[in-house]
N, C-alpha and C. Protein backbone atom coordinates (compact mmCIF):
# COMPACT_ATOMS: atom_id res chain seq x y z
N MET A 1 -16.63 13.02 7.81
CA MET A 1 -16.17 11.76 7.28
C MET A 1 -15.23 11.12 8.30
N ASN A 2 -15.43 9.84 8.58
CA ASN A 2 -14.61 9.11 9.53
C ASN A 2 -13.60 8.28 8.76
N ASP A 3 -12.42 8.84 8.53
CA ASP A 3 -11.38 8.17 7.75
C ASP A 3 -10.36 7.57 8.71
N LYS A 4 -10.30 6.25 8.74
CA LYS A 4 -9.38 5.55 9.62
C LYS A 4 -7.94 5.90 9.27
N ARG A 5 -7.15 6.22 10.30
CA ARG A 5 -5.73 6.53 10.12
C ARG A 5 -4.94 5.27 10.44
N LEU A 6 -4.07 4.89 9.52
CA LEU A 6 -3.28 3.68 9.67
C LEU A 6 -1.83 4.01 10.02
N LEU A 7 -1.23 3.15 10.84
CA LEU A 7 0.20 3.23 11.12
C LEU A 7 0.92 2.40 10.07
N ILE A 8 1.89 3.03 9.40
CA ILE A 8 2.61 2.37 8.32
C ILE A 8 4.11 2.57 8.52
N PRO A 9 4.84 1.46 8.75
CA PRO A 9 6.30 1.61 8.87
C PRO A 9 6.93 1.86 7.51
N CYS A 10 7.90 2.74 7.48
CA CYS A 10 8.65 2.98 6.25
C CYS A 10 9.58 1.80 6.02
N MET A 11 9.55 1.21 4.84
CA MET A 11 10.42 0.07 4.53
C MET A 11 11.85 0.52 4.25
N ASN A 12 12.06 1.83 4.16
CA ASN A 12 13.42 2.35 3.94
C ASN A 12 14.12 2.63 5.28
N CYS A 13 13.50 3.44 6.15
CA CYS A 13 14.16 3.85 7.39
C CYS A 13 13.53 3.28 8.65
N GLY A 14 12.36 2.66 8.55
CA GLY A 14 11.71 2.06 9.71
C GLY A 14 10.84 3.00 10.51
N ALA A 15 10.78 4.27 10.16
CA ALA A 15 9.95 5.23 10.90
C ALA A 15 8.48 4.88 10.74
N MET A 16 7.71 5.11 11.81
CA MET A 16 6.27 4.89 11.75
C MET A 16 5.60 6.15 11.21
N ASN A 17 4.67 5.95 10.29
CA ASN A 17 3.94 7.04 9.67
C ASN A 17 2.45 6.80 9.84
N ARG A 18 1.69 7.88 9.95
CA ARG A 18 0.22 7.79 9.99
C ARG A 18 -0.30 8.32 8.65
N SER A 19 -1.27 7.56 8.11
CA SER A 19 -1.87 7.99 6.85
C SER A 19 -3.34 7.62 6.86
N PRO A 20 -4.20 8.52 6.37
CA PRO A 20 -5.61 8.16 6.24
C PRO A 20 -5.75 6.99 5.26
N GLU A 21 -6.57 6.02 5.61
CA GLU A 21 -6.75 4.85 4.77
C GLU A 21 -7.20 5.22 3.36
N SER A 22 -8.01 6.23 3.24
CA SER A 22 -8.54 6.64 1.93
C SER A 22 -7.47 7.25 1.02
N ARG A 23 -6.30 7.58 1.57
CA ARG A 23 -5.27 8.25 0.77
C ARG A 23 -4.07 7.37 0.46
N LEU A 24 -4.15 6.08 0.78
CA LEU A 24 -3.02 5.19 0.54
C LEU A 24 -2.63 5.11 -0.93
N ALA A 25 -3.61 5.13 -1.81
CA ALA A 25 -3.33 5.02 -3.25
C ALA A 25 -2.72 6.29 -3.83
N GLU A 26 -2.66 7.35 -3.05
CA GLU A 26 -2.11 8.63 -3.54
C GLU A 26 -0.59 8.71 -3.41
N GLY A 27 0.03 7.63 -2.96
CA GLY A 27 1.50 7.61 -2.88
C GLY A 27 2.07 8.39 -1.73
N PRO A 28 1.68 8.08 -0.49
CA PRO A 28 2.24 8.81 0.65
C PRO A 28 3.73 8.56 0.79
N THR A 29 4.42 9.52 1.39
CA THR A 29 5.86 9.40 1.62
C THR A 29 6.15 9.41 3.11
N CYS A 30 7.32 8.94 3.47
CA CYS A 30 7.75 8.88 4.86
C CYS A 30 8.03 10.29 5.38
N GLY A 31 7.56 10.56 6.58
CA GLY A 31 7.81 11.85 7.20
C GLY A 31 9.26 12.06 7.58
N ARG A 32 10.03 10.98 7.75
CA ARG A 32 11.44 11.11 8.14
C ARG A 32 12.36 11.15 6.93
N CYS A 33 12.30 10.13 6.08
CA CYS A 33 13.27 10.04 4.97
C CYS A 33 12.70 10.50 3.62
N HIS A 34 11.40 10.76 3.57
CA HIS A 34 10.72 11.28 2.38
C HIS A 34 10.68 10.30 1.20
N GLN A 35 10.96 9.02 1.45
CA GLN A 35 10.84 7.99 0.42
C GLN A 35 9.39 7.54 0.34
N ALA A 36 9.00 6.99 -0.79
CA ALA A 36 7.64 6.48 -0.96
C ALA A 36 7.38 5.34 0.02
N LEU A 37 6.21 5.34 0.66
CA LEU A 37 5.86 4.26 1.58
C LEU A 37 5.52 2.97 0.83
N PHE A 38 5.15 3.09 -0.42
CA PHE A 38 4.82 1.92 -1.23
C PHE A 38 5.68 1.94 -2.48
N ALA A 39 6.75 1.14 -2.45
CA ALA A 39 7.67 1.07 -3.58
C ALA A 39 7.14 0.10 -4.62
N ALA A 40 7.68 0.19 -5.82
CA ALA A 40 7.24 -0.69 -6.90
C ALA A 40 7.65 -2.13 -6.68
N ASN A 41 8.73 -2.35 -5.94
CA ASN A 41 9.24 -3.69 -5.71
C ASN A 41 9.11 -4.09 -4.25
N PRO A 42 9.12 -5.39 -3.96
CA PRO A 42 9.10 -5.83 -2.57
C PRO A 42 10.32 -5.30 -1.81
N ALA A 43 10.12 -5.00 -0.54
CA ALA A 43 11.21 -4.50 0.30
C ALA A 43 12.12 -5.66 0.69
N ILE A 44 13.40 -5.36 0.84
CA ILE A 44 14.38 -6.33 1.33
C ILE A 44 14.46 -6.15 2.85
N ILE A 45 14.23 -7.24 3.59
CA ILE A 45 14.20 -7.16 5.04
C ILE A 45 15.36 -7.96 5.62
N GLU A 46 15.98 -7.40 6.66
CA GLU A 46 17.08 -8.05 7.36
C GLU A 46 16.68 -8.30 8.81
N SER A 47 17.47 -9.09 9.50
CA SER A 47 17.15 -9.47 10.88
C SER A 47 16.95 -8.26 11.79
N HIS A 48 17.82 -7.26 11.66
CA HIS A 48 17.76 -6.12 12.58
C HIS A 48 16.53 -5.24 12.40
N ASP A 49 15.87 -5.31 11.24
CA ASP A 49 14.72 -4.43 11.03
C ASP A 49 13.41 -5.18 10.78
N PHE A 50 13.43 -6.51 10.93
CA PHE A 50 12.24 -7.30 10.63
C PHE A 50 11.05 -6.87 11.49
N ASP A 51 11.23 -6.84 12.80
CA ASP A 51 10.10 -6.50 13.68
C ASP A 51 9.52 -5.13 13.37
N ALA A 52 10.39 -4.14 13.19
CA ALA A 52 9.93 -2.78 12.94
C ALA A 52 9.20 -2.64 11.62
N LYS A 53 9.64 -3.36 10.59
CA LYS A 53 9.08 -3.18 9.26
C LYS A 53 7.97 -4.17 8.91
N VAL A 54 7.94 -5.32 9.57
CA VAL A 54 6.94 -6.34 9.23
C VAL A 54 5.87 -6.50 10.31
N LEU A 55 6.29 -6.53 11.57
CA LEU A 55 5.35 -6.86 12.64
C LEU A 55 4.63 -5.65 13.22
N ARG A 56 5.16 -4.46 12.99
CA ARG A 56 4.47 -3.25 13.45
C ARG A 56 3.66 -2.70 12.29
N GLY A 57 2.67 -1.95 12.58
CA GLY A 57 1.87 -1.33 11.53
C GLY A 57 0.53 -2.02 11.36
N ASP A 58 -0.33 -1.33 10.63
CA ASP A 58 -1.71 -1.77 10.48
C ASP A 58 -1.99 -2.51 9.17
N LEU A 59 -1.03 -2.57 8.27
CA LEU A 59 -1.25 -3.26 7.00
C LEU A 59 -0.65 -4.65 7.02
N PRO A 60 -1.31 -5.61 6.37
CA PRO A 60 -0.73 -6.95 6.25
C PRO A 60 0.56 -6.89 5.43
N VAL A 61 1.49 -7.80 5.75
CA VAL A 61 2.76 -7.88 5.03
C VAL A 61 2.96 -9.33 4.60
N LEU A 62 3.15 -9.54 3.31
CA LEU A 62 3.44 -10.85 2.75
C LEU A 62 4.94 -10.95 2.54
N VAL A 63 5.56 -11.93 3.22
CA VAL A 63 7.02 -12.08 3.17
C VAL A 63 7.38 -13.35 2.43
N ASP A 64 8.28 -13.21 1.46
CA ASP A 64 8.84 -14.32 0.70
C ASP A 64 10.18 -14.69 1.33
N PHE A 65 10.25 -15.88 1.96
CA PHE A 65 11.50 -16.40 2.49
C PHE A 65 12.13 -17.22 1.37
N TRP A 66 13.33 -16.85 0.93
CA TRP A 66 13.95 -17.43 -0.26
C TRP A 66 15.47 -17.52 -0.06
N ALA A 67 16.16 -18.07 -1.04
CA ALA A 67 17.63 -18.10 -1.05
C ALA A 67 18.10 -17.97 -2.49
N PRO A 68 19.27 -17.37 -2.71
CA PRO A 68 19.75 -17.12 -4.08
C PRO A 68 20.14 -18.39 -4.85
N TRP A 69 20.36 -19.50 -4.18
CA TRP A 69 20.72 -20.75 -4.85
C TRP A 69 19.49 -21.59 -5.21
N CYS A 70 18.31 -21.15 -4.81
CA CYS A 70 17.06 -21.91 -4.97
C CYS A 70 16.41 -21.60 -6.32
N GLY A 71 16.38 -22.59 -7.21
CA GLY A 71 15.77 -22.40 -8.53
C GLY A 71 14.31 -21.98 -8.48
N PRO A 72 13.45 -22.67 -7.72
CA PRO A 72 12.05 -22.25 -7.64
C PRO A 72 11.89 -20.83 -7.06
N CYS A 73 12.79 -20.46 -6.14
CA CYS A 73 12.74 -19.09 -5.58
C CYS A 73 13.02 -18.06 -6.67
N LEU A 74 14.05 -18.33 -7.48
CA LEU A 74 14.42 -17.41 -8.56
C LEU A 74 13.33 -17.35 -9.62
N ALA A 75 12.68 -18.49 -9.88
CA ALA A 75 11.60 -18.52 -10.86
C ALA A 75 10.39 -17.73 -10.37
N MET A 76 10.15 -17.75 -9.05
CA MET A 76 8.99 -17.07 -8.50
C MET A 76 9.23 -15.57 -8.32
N ALA A 77 10.47 -15.14 -8.24
CA ALA A 77 10.80 -13.74 -7.94
C ALA A 77 10.07 -12.72 -8.82
N PRO A 78 10.05 -12.88 -10.16
CA PRO A 78 9.33 -11.87 -10.96
C PRO A 78 7.82 -11.90 -10.72
N HIS A 79 7.29 -13.05 -10.39
CA HIS A 79 5.85 -13.16 -10.09
C HIS A 79 5.53 -12.46 -8.77
N PHE A 80 6.42 -12.60 -7.80
CA PHE A 80 6.24 -11.93 -6.52
C PHE A 80 6.31 -10.42 -6.70
N ALA A 81 7.24 -9.97 -7.54
CA ALA A 81 7.36 -8.53 -7.82
C ALA A 81 6.11 -8.02 -8.53
N GLU A 82 5.57 -8.80 -9.46
CA GLU A 82 4.33 -8.40 -10.14
C GLU A 82 3.17 -8.34 -9.15
N ALA A 83 3.11 -9.31 -8.26
CA ALA A 83 2.04 -9.32 -7.25
C ALA A 83 2.14 -8.07 -6.38
N ALA A 84 3.35 -7.61 -6.09
CA ALA A 84 3.53 -6.39 -5.29
C ALA A 84 2.86 -5.20 -5.94
N THR A 85 2.99 -5.08 -7.25
CA THR A 85 2.40 -3.93 -7.94
C THR A 85 0.87 -3.98 -7.90
N ARG A 86 0.31 -5.18 -7.77
CA ARG A 86 -1.15 -5.33 -7.78
C ARG A 86 -1.76 -5.38 -6.39
N LEU A 87 -1.00 -5.81 -5.39
CA LEU A 87 -1.54 -5.91 -4.03
C LEU A 87 -1.36 -4.62 -3.22
N GLN A 88 -0.30 -3.87 -3.51
CA GLN A 88 -0.08 -2.64 -2.77
C GLN A 88 -1.06 -1.57 -3.25
N PRO A 89 -1.59 -0.74 -2.39
CA PRO A 89 -1.20 -0.49 -1.01
C PRO A 89 -2.01 -1.28 0.03
N ARG A 90 -2.87 -2.19 -0.37
CA ARG A 90 -3.66 -2.96 0.61
C ARG A 90 -2.80 -3.93 1.40
N VAL A 91 -1.77 -4.48 0.74
CA VAL A 91 -0.85 -5.44 1.35
C VAL A 91 0.56 -5.03 0.93
N ARG A 92 1.48 -5.09 1.86
CA ARG A 92 2.88 -4.79 1.54
C ARG A 92 3.60 -6.10 1.30
N LEU A 93 4.60 -6.10 0.42
CA LEU A 93 5.36 -7.30 0.12
C LEU A 93 6.84 -7.08 0.45
N ALA A 94 7.44 -8.14 0.99
CA ALA A 94 8.84 -8.07 1.40
C ALA A 94 9.52 -9.40 1.16
N LYS A 95 10.85 -9.37 1.10
CA LYS A 95 11.64 -10.58 0.86
C LYS A 95 12.70 -10.71 1.94
N VAL A 96 12.91 -11.97 2.37
CA VAL A 96 13.98 -12.29 3.32
C VAL A 96 14.85 -13.36 2.69
N ASP A 97 16.12 -13.05 2.50
CA ASP A 97 17.10 -14.00 1.99
C ASP A 97 17.54 -14.85 3.18
N THR A 98 17.08 -16.10 3.23
CA THR A 98 17.37 -16.96 4.38
C THR A 98 18.83 -17.37 4.47
N GLU A 99 19.57 -17.26 3.38
CA GLU A 99 21.00 -17.55 3.44
C GLU A 99 21.74 -16.39 4.12
N ALA A 100 21.36 -15.17 3.80
CA ALA A 100 21.98 -13.99 4.40
C ALA A 100 21.43 -13.68 5.79
N GLN A 101 20.20 -14.14 6.06
CA GLN A 101 19.53 -13.87 7.33
C GLN A 101 19.08 -15.19 7.98
N PRO A 102 20.02 -16.08 8.32
CA PRO A 102 19.63 -17.40 8.84
C PRO A 102 18.84 -17.33 10.15
N ALA A 103 19.05 -16.29 10.95
CA ALA A 103 18.30 -16.18 12.20
C ALA A 103 16.80 -16.03 11.95
N LEU A 104 16.44 -15.32 10.89
CA LEU A 104 15.02 -15.18 10.56
C LEU A 104 14.43 -16.50 10.05
N GLY A 105 15.22 -17.22 9.26
CA GLY A 105 14.76 -18.54 8.81
C GLY A 105 14.51 -19.45 9.99
N ALA A 106 15.41 -19.43 10.96
CA ALA A 106 15.25 -20.26 12.16
C ALA A 106 14.08 -19.78 13.01
N ARG A 107 13.96 -18.48 13.18
CA ARG A 107 12.89 -17.91 14.01
C ARG A 107 11.51 -18.33 13.53
N PHE A 108 11.35 -18.39 12.21
CA PHE A 108 10.04 -18.72 11.65
C PHE A 108 9.97 -20.16 11.14
N ALA A 109 10.94 -20.98 11.55
CA ALA A 109 10.95 -22.42 11.24
C ALA A 109 10.78 -22.68 9.75
N ILE A 110 11.56 -21.96 8.94
CA ILE A 110 11.51 -22.16 7.50
C ILE A 110 12.27 -23.44 7.18
N ARG A 111 11.57 -24.45 6.68
CA ARG A 111 12.16 -25.75 6.38
C ARG A 111 12.27 -26.00 4.89
N SER A 112 11.54 -25.23 4.11
CA SER A 112 11.54 -25.38 2.67
C SER A 112 11.35 -24.00 2.06
N ILE A 113 12.00 -23.78 0.94
CA ILE A 113 11.85 -22.48 0.27
C ILE A 113 11.47 -22.71 -1.19
N PRO A 114 10.77 -21.77 -1.77
CA PRO A 114 10.25 -20.55 -1.17
C PRO A 114 9.09 -20.83 -0.22
N THR A 115 9.02 -20.03 0.82
CA THR A 115 7.88 -20.06 1.75
C THR A 115 7.35 -18.65 1.87
N LEU A 116 6.06 -18.50 1.68
CA LEU A 116 5.39 -17.21 1.87
C LEU A 116 4.71 -17.24 3.23
N ILE A 117 4.90 -16.18 4.01
CA ILE A 117 4.17 -16.03 5.27
C ILE A 117 3.47 -14.68 5.22
N LEU A 118 2.17 -14.72 5.50
CA LEU A 118 1.37 -13.50 5.56
C LEU A 118 1.22 -13.10 7.02
N PHE A 119 1.72 -11.91 7.35
CA PHE A 119 1.62 -11.37 8.69
C PHE A 119 0.55 -10.30 8.71
N ASP A 120 -0.22 -10.28 9.80
CA ASP A 120 -1.26 -9.27 9.96
C ASP A 120 -1.22 -8.77 11.39
N ARG A 121 -0.90 -7.49 11.55
CA ARG A 121 -0.81 -6.84 12.85
C ARG A 121 0.07 -7.62 13.84
N GLY A 122 1.22 -8.05 13.36
CA GLY A 122 2.21 -8.66 14.22
C GLY A 122 2.12 -10.16 14.39
N SER A 123 1.12 -10.80 13.80
CA SER A 123 0.96 -12.24 13.94
C SER A 123 0.97 -12.92 12.58
N GLU A 124 1.45 -14.17 12.58
CA GLU A 124 1.40 -14.96 11.36
C GLU A 124 -0.06 -15.36 11.10
N LEU A 125 -0.55 -15.00 9.93
CA LEU A 125 -1.92 -15.32 9.56
C LEU A 125 -1.98 -16.60 8.74
N ALA A 126 -1.02 -16.78 7.82
CA ALA A 126 -1.04 -17.95 6.94
C ALA A 126 0.36 -18.18 6.39
N ARG A 127 0.58 -19.42 5.91
CA ARG A 127 1.87 -19.82 5.37
C ARG A 127 1.63 -20.73 4.17
N GLN A 128 2.48 -20.56 3.14
CA GLN A 128 2.39 -21.38 1.93
C GLN A 128 3.81 -21.67 1.44
N THR A 129 4.08 -22.94 1.20
CA THR A 129 5.39 -23.34 0.71
C THR A 129 5.28 -23.73 -0.76
N GLY A 130 6.30 -23.37 -1.53
CA GLY A 130 6.34 -23.72 -2.95
C GLY A 130 6.13 -22.51 -3.83
N GLY A 131 6.63 -22.62 -5.05
CA GLY A 131 6.54 -21.52 -6.00
C GLY A 131 5.12 -21.31 -6.49
N MET A 132 4.80 -20.07 -6.79
CA MET A 132 3.48 -19.70 -7.31
C MET A 132 3.66 -18.61 -8.36
N GLY A 133 2.68 -18.50 -9.23
CA GLY A 133 2.64 -17.40 -10.18
C GLY A 133 2.00 -16.18 -9.54
N ALA A 134 2.07 -15.05 -10.21
CA ALA A 134 1.53 -13.80 -9.67
C ALA A 134 0.05 -13.92 -9.33
N ARG A 135 -0.72 -14.50 -10.25
CA ARG A 135 -2.16 -14.63 -10.02
C ARG A 135 -2.45 -15.50 -8.79
N GLN A 136 -1.69 -16.58 -8.65
CA GLN A 136 -1.87 -17.46 -7.49
C GLN A 136 -1.51 -16.74 -6.19
N ILE A 137 -0.44 -15.97 -6.20
CA ILE A 137 -0.04 -15.22 -5.01
C ILE A 137 -1.13 -14.24 -4.62
N ILE A 138 -1.65 -13.53 -5.59
CA ILE A 138 -2.70 -12.53 -5.33
C ILE A 138 -3.96 -13.20 -4.81
N GLU A 139 -4.37 -14.30 -5.45
CA GLU A 139 -5.59 -15.00 -5.02
C GLU A 139 -5.42 -15.61 -3.63
N TRP A 140 -4.27 -16.23 -3.37
CA TRP A 140 -4.02 -16.84 -2.07
C TRP A 140 -4.05 -15.78 -0.97
N THR A 141 -3.39 -14.66 -1.21
CA THR A 141 -3.34 -13.58 -0.23
C THR A 141 -4.75 -13.04 0.03
N GLY A 142 -5.50 -12.78 -1.01
CA GLY A 142 -6.86 -12.29 -0.86
C GLY A 142 -7.74 -13.25 -0.07
N HIS A 143 -7.60 -14.54 -0.36
CA HIS A 143 -8.38 -15.56 0.34
C HIS A 143 -8.03 -15.58 1.83
N GLN A 144 -6.74 -15.51 2.13
CA GLN A 144 -6.33 -15.53 3.55
C GLN A 144 -6.84 -14.31 4.30
N LEU A 145 -6.79 -13.15 3.66
CA LEU A 145 -7.25 -11.93 4.33
C LEU A 145 -8.76 -11.92 4.49
N GLN A 146 -9.44 -12.50 3.54
CA GLN A 146 -10.90 -12.58 3.61
C GLN A 146 -11.35 -13.47 4.77
N ASN A 147 -10.57 -14.50 5.07
CA ASN A 147 -10.94 -15.47 6.08
C ASN A 147 -10.26 -15.24 7.43
N ARG A 148 -9.61 -14.09 7.59
CA ARG A 148 -8.90 -13.84 8.85
C ARG A 148 -9.89 -13.71 10.00
N ARG A 149 -9.37 -14.01 11.15
CA ARG A 149 -10.18 -14.02 12.38
C ARG A 149 -10.68 -12.65 12.73
């Protein structure tokens, strides 16, 4: 059997892990910190660990750029968390607080929030601005991945 091995960064400690693609749904844990590689909630990402946790690895990562004062961001938060439970382990979900991490907001030219950016193997694949429900997030993500280059 030819089972593709994927590189998966730990969203807790940043260590790179290898896991057979066929075993992702079995709940693999990090070889360094022993935390689950796929948590129930989106990971919180900061400037110092963004590249290691989002841009490295073989799985797509959907990042919600938001701020705590943003009403639409707060309204979308539970939908984004629900989408995480349904998209993982095929897609990882993460959140960046643009107020606490302004350098990341500037780096990715975030002009309006909430903004979702789907990264795939280190590159921006797609971007969507505005609040969405869980079903819309899941469908949009699936559509983008289906149409990737």
